[in-house]
Amino acid sequence: MTAVGLIGLGHMGHGIARNVLMKGHGLIFLDHPGNRPADEILSLGGQPAPSPAKVAGMADAMVLCVSGTPQVEAVMTGPDGVLAALRPGTTVIDCSTSLPDSSRRMAALTQEAGGYFLDAPMTRTAQAAHEGRLNLLVGGDPEVVDAMRPLLGAFAEEIKHVGPSGAGHRMKLLHNYVSVGFIAILAEAAALAQDAGIVPEDLVAVLQAGGGGGTALDRMVPFLTQSDRQSMPFSITNAAKDLGYYVEMAEAAGAPAPAAHGIHRLLATAVEAGCGEATLPELAGLVGRLSPRRS
């Protein structure tokens, strides 16, 4: 049994907490207004704590599952943050989606405090988190990764070590750029098809039979054919944040990213128009009014 500290009891973190407890580990979680209802976690033995430092002071390993880079840095380095009370030998596992350069800085600060740091962002959905079937892309020392596999396996189905510190978040941003990019392309095509009077089922059938088939289309089909907005419960706000991180990462590397800039502009425009809480498949119904039409 390991005492696990968790910061971020949101859509994904709730599933992580649930599975950590069900696999026999102890859990201390940050009591925060942004948490999902914690009734189940409390019933399984989870203990709330009032600050990141209080969580870290009782934990053998820490899991962070917050919104992004600013939140990770705040809970790590704040005056009542994780690093202020980290116990020697503790491993911090950041499952958020963050910038690789920030992950490397957090790893260095954690090492200075006597601990270890892994960036381990997730792929798959909140349902997979609930079921303990996440995929993790892990950056960090391979020996630390191996030592943490029993804990990571409590909530993940696949644990892929992809390189040193920062590599996990770099790989996650590459993954999300491709995944979100596919959805944006499909949304734009679906909007044009609707304007042209093409039946959604016909568009789907043609794409599935050719080069347009795949996971992204499968996730779009329920919305395109049944207006099911929960087929991919990932908000446009989160997608815009991830694409912004990808663009920032590309610029830092001096790499061209013309397509990424275009997709990011589309998503940012949707957020600015007040549509940020819409799910990503709903972009298909928004493209037409977000993009100015030529006369």
Protein backbone atom coordinates (compact mmCIF):
# COMPACT_ATOMS: atom_id res chain seq x y z
CA MET A 1 0.00 0.00 0.00
CA THR A 2 1.23 3.48 -0.98
CA ALA A 3 -0.10 6.77 0.35
CA VAL A 4 -0.93 8.68 -2.84
CA GLY A 5 -1.50 12.43 -2.89
CA LEU A 6 -3.82 13.71 -5.62
CA ILE A 7 -4.32 17.29 -6.72
CA GLY A 8 -7.12 17.72 -9.26
CA LEU A 9 -10.29 15.75 -8.54
CA GLY A 10 -11.87 16.72 -11.87
CA HIS A 11 -13.30 14.65 -14.71
CA MET A 12 -10.09 12.66 -15.17
CA GLY A 13 -8.70 12.92 -11.65
CA HIS A 14 -11.87 11.50 -10.13
CA GLY A 15 -11.40 8.30 -12.13
CA ILE A 16 -7.73 8.13 -11.14
CA ALA A 17 -8.62 8.57 -7.46
CA ARG A 18 -11.32 5.91 -7.64
CA ASN A 19 -8.99 3.30 -9.12
CA VAL A 20 -6.06 4.12 -6.83
CA LEU A 21 -8.32 3.45 -3.84
CA MET A 22 -9.91 0.34 -5.34
CA LYS A 23 -6.43 -1.13 -5.94
CA GLY A 24 -5.64 -0.87 -2.23
CA HIS A 25 -3.61 2.35 -2.02
CA GLY A 26 -4.32 5.14 0.42
CA LEU A 27 -5.36 8.52 -1.01
CA ILE A 28 -5.09 12.10 0.22
CA PHE A 29 -6.68 14.64 -2.11
CA LEU A 30 -6.74 18.43 -2.22
CA ASP A 31 -10.11 19.80 -1.08
CA HIS A 32 -10.81 22.39 -3.78
CA PRO A 33 -13.93 24.16 -5.13
CA GLY A 34 -13.12 22.92 -8.65
CA ASN A 35 -13.36 19.25 -7.62
CA ARG A 36 -16.11 16.97 -8.81
CA PRO A 37 -18.37 15.71 -5.99
CA ALA A 38 -16.13 13.58 -3.75
CA ASP A 39 -18.79 11.36 -2.14
CA GLU A 40 -17.55 8.17 -3.82
CA ILE A 41 -13.92 8.98 -3.09
CA LEU A 42 -14.69 9.64 0.57
CA SER A 43 -16.72 6.42 0.81
CA LEU A 44 -13.72 4.47 -0.51
CA GLY A 45 -11.43 5.95 2.15
CA GLY A 46 -10.04 9.06 0.50
CA GLN A 47 -8.92 11.83 2.89
CA PRO A 48 -9.28 15.53 2.05
CA ALA A 49 -6.51 18.00 2.84
CA PRO A 50 -6.66 21.82 2.73
CA SER A 51 -3.51 22.66 0.71
CA PRO A 52 -1.03 21.14 -1.75
CA ALA A 53 1.63 21.22 1.00
CA LYS A 54 -0.63 19.27 3.38
CA VAL A 55 -1.25 16.68 0.67
CA ALA A 56 2.47 16.36 -0.11
CA GLY A 57 3.38 16.09 3.55
CA MET A 58 1.38 12.87 3.90
CA ALA A 59 2.14 11.25 0.53
CA ASP A 60 4.67 8.69 -0.72
CA ALA A 61 3.80 9.64 -4.32
CA MET A 62 1.98 12.63 -5.80
CA VAL A 63 -0.35 12.72 -8.84
CA LEU A 64 -1.21 16.07 -10.43
CA CYS A 65 -4.23 16.25 -12.72
CA VAL A 66 -4.93 19.96 -13.24
CA SER A 67 -5.79 22.17 -16.21
CA GLY A 68 -2.38 23.07 -17.57
CA THR A 69 1.03 24.67 -17.09
CA PRO A 70 0.03 27.69 -14.93
CA GLN A 71 -1.89 25.44 -12.54
CA VAL A 72 0.92 22.87 -12.31
CA GLU A 73 3.48 25.56 -11.54
CA ALA A 74 1.17 27.15 -8.95
CA VAL A 75 0.51 23.93 -7.01
CA MET A 76 4.18 22.97 -7.20
CA THR A 77 5.93 26.25 -6.38
CA GLY A 78 3.39 28.32 -4.44
CA PRO A 79 4.08 29.30 -0.82
CA ASP A 80 1.88 26.42 0.36
CA GLY A 81 2.75 24.21 -2.61
CA VAL A 82 3.95 20.67 -3.10
CA LEU A 83 7.66 21.50 -3.05
CA ALA A 84 7.34 23.27 0.30
CA ALA A 85 6.52 19.97 2.02
CA LEU A 86 7.76 17.24 -0.32
CA ARG A 87 9.13 14.25 1.56
CA PRO A 88 12.56 12.96 0.42
CA GLY A 89 12.25 10.22 -2.18
CA THR A 90 8.68 11.16 -3.18
CA THR A 91 7.81 10.91 -6.88
CA VAL A 92 5.60 13.61 -8.42
CA ILE A 93 3.62 12.33 -11.41
CA ASP A 94 2.14 15.11 -13.55
CA CYS A 95 -0.79 13.74 -15.56
CA SER A 96 -1.86 17.20 -16.75
CA THR A 97 -1.27 18.49 -20.29
CA SER A 98 1.56 21.01 -19.98
CA LEU A 99 4.44 22.61 -21.85
CA PRO A 100 7.58 20.43 -22.04
CA ASP A 101 9.94 23.24 -21.01
CA SER A 102 7.89 23.82 -17.86
CA SER A 103 7.97 20.07 -17.12
CA ARG A 104 11.74 20.10 -17.26
CA ARG A 105 11.84 23.05 -14.85
CA MET A 106 9.47 21.29 -12.45
CA ALA A 107 11.61 18.15 -12.67
CA ALA A 108 14.74 20.11 -11.75
CA LEU A 109 13.02 21.80 -8.80
CA THR A 110 11.65 18.46 -7.59
CA GLN A 111 15.12 16.93 -7.76
CA GLU A 112 16.54 19.85 -5.76
CA ALA A 113 13.86 19.15 -3.11
CA GLY A 114 14.98 15.50 -2.89
CA GLY A 115 12.24 13.95 -5.00
CA TYR A 116 11.63 12.60 -8.49
CA PHE A 117 9.38 13.89 -11.27
CA LEU A 118 7.57 12.16 -14.13
CA ASP A 119 5.47 13.89 -16.76
CA ALA A 120 2.76 11.35 -17.56
CA PRO A 121 -0.05 12.97 -19.56
CA MET A 122 -3.08 10.86 -20.42
CA THR A 123 -4.87 9.91 -23.59
CA ARG A 124 -8.41 8.46 -23.77
CA THR A 125 -11.57 9.73 -22.09
CA ALA A 126 -13.07 10.34 -18.65
CA GLN A 127 -14.93 7.04 -19.05
CA ALA A 128 -11.60 5.26 -19.52
CA ALA A 129 -10.30 7.03 -16.40
CA HIS A 130 -13.34 5.78 -14.47
CA GLU A 131 -12.62 2.24 -15.66
CA GLY A 132 -8.86 2.42 -15.01
CA ARG A 133 -8.02 2.12 -18.73
CA LEU A 134 -6.04 5.29 -19.43
CA ASN A 135 -2.99 5.41 -21.67
CA LEU A 136 0.00 7.26 -20.22
CA LEU A 137 2.87 8.87 -22.14
CA VAL A 138 5.67 9.09 -19.61
CA GLY A 139 8.79 11.23 -19.60
CA GLY A 140 11.51 10.84 -16.97
CA ASP A 141 14.21 8.55 -15.62
CA PRO A 142 13.48 4.97 -16.73
CA GLU A 143 14.31 3.60 -13.27
CA VAL A 144 11.76 5.92 -11.68
CA VAL A 145 9.20 4.93 -14.32
CA ASP A 146 9.75 1.26 -13.52
CA ALA A 147 9.44 1.92 -9.78
CA MET A 148 6.11 3.70 -10.34
CA ARG A 149 4.59 1.15 -12.74
CA PRO A 150 2.59 -0.63 -9.99
CA LEU A 151 0.95 2.67 -9.04
CA LEU A 152 0.48 3.84 -12.64
CA GLY A 153 -1.03 0.46 -13.46
CA ALA A 154 -3.75 1.10 -10.90
CA PHE A 155 -5.40 3.55 -13.30
CA ALA A 156 -3.73 2.98 -16.69
CA GLU A 157 -3.97 0.20 -19.23
CA GLU A 158 -0.87 1.20 -21.22
CA ILE A 159 2.22 2.91 -19.80
CA LYS A 160 4.61 4.03 -22.52
CA HIS A 161 7.96 5.53 -21.57
CA VAL A 162 8.76 8.00 -24.37
CA GLY A 163 11.99 9.64 -23.18
CA PRO A 164 13.51 11.99 -20.57
CA SER A 165 11.72 14.74 -18.64
CA GLY A 166 9.43 16.74 -20.90
CA ALA A 167 9.12 13.99 -23.52
CA GLY A 168 5.75 12.85 -22.18
CA HIS A 169 4.23 16.28 -22.57
CA ARG A 170 5.89 16.77 -25.94
CA MET A 171 4.36 13.51 -27.17
CA LYS A 172 0.94 14.42 -25.71
CA LEU A 173 0.92 17.74 -27.57
CA LEU A 174 1.86 15.98 -30.80
CA HIS A 175 -0.95 13.48 -30.21
CA ASN A 176 -3.54 16.14 -29.41
CA TYR A 177 -2.54 18.29 -32.37
CA VAL A 178 -3.16 15.39 -34.74
CA SER A 179 -6.35 14.26 -32.96
CA VAL A 180 -7.89 17.73 -32.63
CA GLY A 181 -6.67 18.65 -36.11
CA PHE A 182 -8.52 15.70 -37.63
CA ILE A 183 -11.71 16.73 -35.80
CA ALA A 184 -11.39 20.34 -37.03
CA ILE A 185 -10.97 19.19 -40.63
CA LEU A 186 -13.98 16.89 -40.34
CA ALA A 187 -16.04 19.66 -38.75
CA GLU A 188 -15.28 22.04 -41.60
CA ALA A 189 -16.09 19.39 -44.21
CA ALA A 190 -19.34 18.49 -42.43
CA ALA A 191 -20.40 22.16 -42.34
CA LEU A 192 -19.81 22.51 -46.07
CA ALA A 193 -21.62 19.23 -46.76
CA GLN A 194 -24.63 20.48 -44.83
CA ASP A 195 -24.66 23.73 -46.84
CA ALA A 196 -24.56 21.63 -50.01
CA GLY A 197 -27.52 19.53 -48.89
CA ILE A 198 -25.53 16.32 -48.45
CA VAL A 199 -27.12 13.86 -46.03
CA PRO A 200 -24.75 13.33 -43.04
CA GLU A 201 -25.05 9.55 -43.32
CA ASP A 202 -23.89 9.72 -46.94
CA LEU A 203 -20.87 11.86 -46.02
CA VAL A 204 -19.96 9.44 -43.22
CA ALA A 205 -20.30 6.41 -45.49
CA VAL A 206 -18.03 7.93 -48.15
CA LEU A 207 -15.38 8.94 -45.61
CA GLN A 208 -15.46 5.55 -43.88
CA ALA A 209 -14.96 3.77 -47.20
CA GLY A 210 -11.98 5.92 -48.13
CA GLY A 211 -9.10 7.85 -46.62
CA GLY A 212 -11.30 9.82 -44.23
CA GLY A 213 -12.08 6.90 -41.95
CA GLY A 214 -10.59 6.37 -38.50
CA THR A 215 -10.96 7.14 -34.81
CA ALA A 216 -11.62 10.87 -35.28
CA LEU A 217 -14.52 10.18 -37.65
CA ASP A 218 -15.88 7.48 -35.33
CA ARG A 219 -16.02 10.03 -32.53
CA MET A 220 -17.75 12.56 -34.78
CA VAL A 221 -20.42 10.21 -36.18
CA PRO A 222 -22.84 10.34 -33.20
CA PHE A 223 -22.98 14.14 -33.42
CA LEU A 224 -23.16 14.29 -37.20
CA THR A 225 -25.96 11.74 -37.47
CA GLN A 226 -27.80 12.02 -34.12
CA SER A 227 -26.73 15.40 -32.65
CA ASP A 228 -25.16 13.51 -29.73
CA ARG A 229 -22.83 16.14 -28.25
CA GLN A 230 -21.28 13.71 -25.74
CA SER A 231 -19.67 11.44 -28.32
CA MET A 232 -16.35 13.13 -27.49
CA PRO A 233 -16.77 15.04 -24.20
CA PHE A 234 -13.72 17.27 -24.69
CA SER A 235 -14.42 20.99 -24.59
CA ILE A 236 -13.40 23.46 -27.28
CA THR A 237 -11.72 25.51 -24.53
CA ASN A 238 -9.43 22.59 -23.66
CA ALA A 239 -8.75 21.90 -27.33
CA ALA A 240 -7.80 25.55 -27.89
CA LYS A 241 -5.48 25.44 -24.88
CA ASP A 242 -3.73 22.30 -26.14
CA LEU A 243 -3.33 23.70 -29.66
CA GLY A 244 -1.93 26.89 -28.17
CA TYR A 245 0.63 24.83 -26.28
CA TYR A 246 1.49 22.95 -29.48
CA VAL A 247 2.05 26.22 -31.37
CA GLU A 248 4.20 27.54 -28.51
CA MET A 249 6.21 24.30 -28.48
CA ALA A 250 6.73 24.47 -32.25
CA GLU A 251 7.83 28.10 -32.10
CA ALA A 252 10.31 27.33 -29.32
CA ALA A 253 11.76 24.56 -31.50
CA GLY A 254 11.88 26.77 -34.59
CA ALA A 255 9.57 24.35 -36.40
CA PRO A 256 6.99 25.48 -38.98
CA ALA A 257 3.35 25.07 -37.91
CA PRO A 258 1.11 26.76 -40.52
CA ALA A 259 -1.73 24.23 -40.24
CA ALA A 260 -1.59 24.34 -36.43
CA HIS A 261 -1.89 28.14 -36.48
CA GLY A 262 -5.02 27.89 -38.63
CA ILE A 263 -6.67 25.27 -36.42
CA HIS A 264 -5.77 27.22 -33.29
CA ARG A 265 -7.34 30.37 -34.74
CA LEU A 266 -10.57 28.48 -35.45
CA LEU A 267 -10.74 27.10 -31.90
CA ALA A 268 -9.78 30.42 -30.31
CA THR A 269 -12.49 32.17 -32.34
CA ALA A 270 -15.05 29.67 -31.00
CA VAL A 271 -13.92 30.39 -27.43
CA GLU A 272 -14.08 34.16 -28.01
CA ALA A 273 -17.61 33.73 -29.40
CA GLY A 274 -18.71 32.16 -26.11
CA CYS A 275 -18.73 28.56 -27.39
CA GLY A 276 -15.81 27.27 -25.33
CA GLU A 277 -17.89 24.88 -23.24
CA ALA A 278 -19.28 23.15 -26.33
CA THR A 279 -17.79 19.71 -26.96
CA LEU A 280 -15.34 19.31 -29.80
CA PRO A 281 -17.75 17.46 -32.17
CA GLU A 282 -20.11 20.45 -31.90
CA LEU A 283 -17.52 22.42 -33.85
CA ALA A 284 -19.23 20.99 -36.95
CA GLY A 285 -22.30 23.06 -36.14
CA LEU A 286 -20.31 26.19 -35.33
CA VAL A 287 -17.88 26.52 -38.22
CA GLY A 288 -20.39 28.22 -40.47
CA ARG A 289 -21.10 31.12 -38.12
CA LEU A 290 -17.51 31.45 -36.89
CA SER A 291 -15.98 31.89 -40.36
CA PRO A 292 -16.92 35.00 -42.39
CA ARG A 293 -18.48 34.13 -45.75
CA ARG A 294 -17.34 35.72 -48.97
CA SER A 295 -19.94 37.70 -50.86
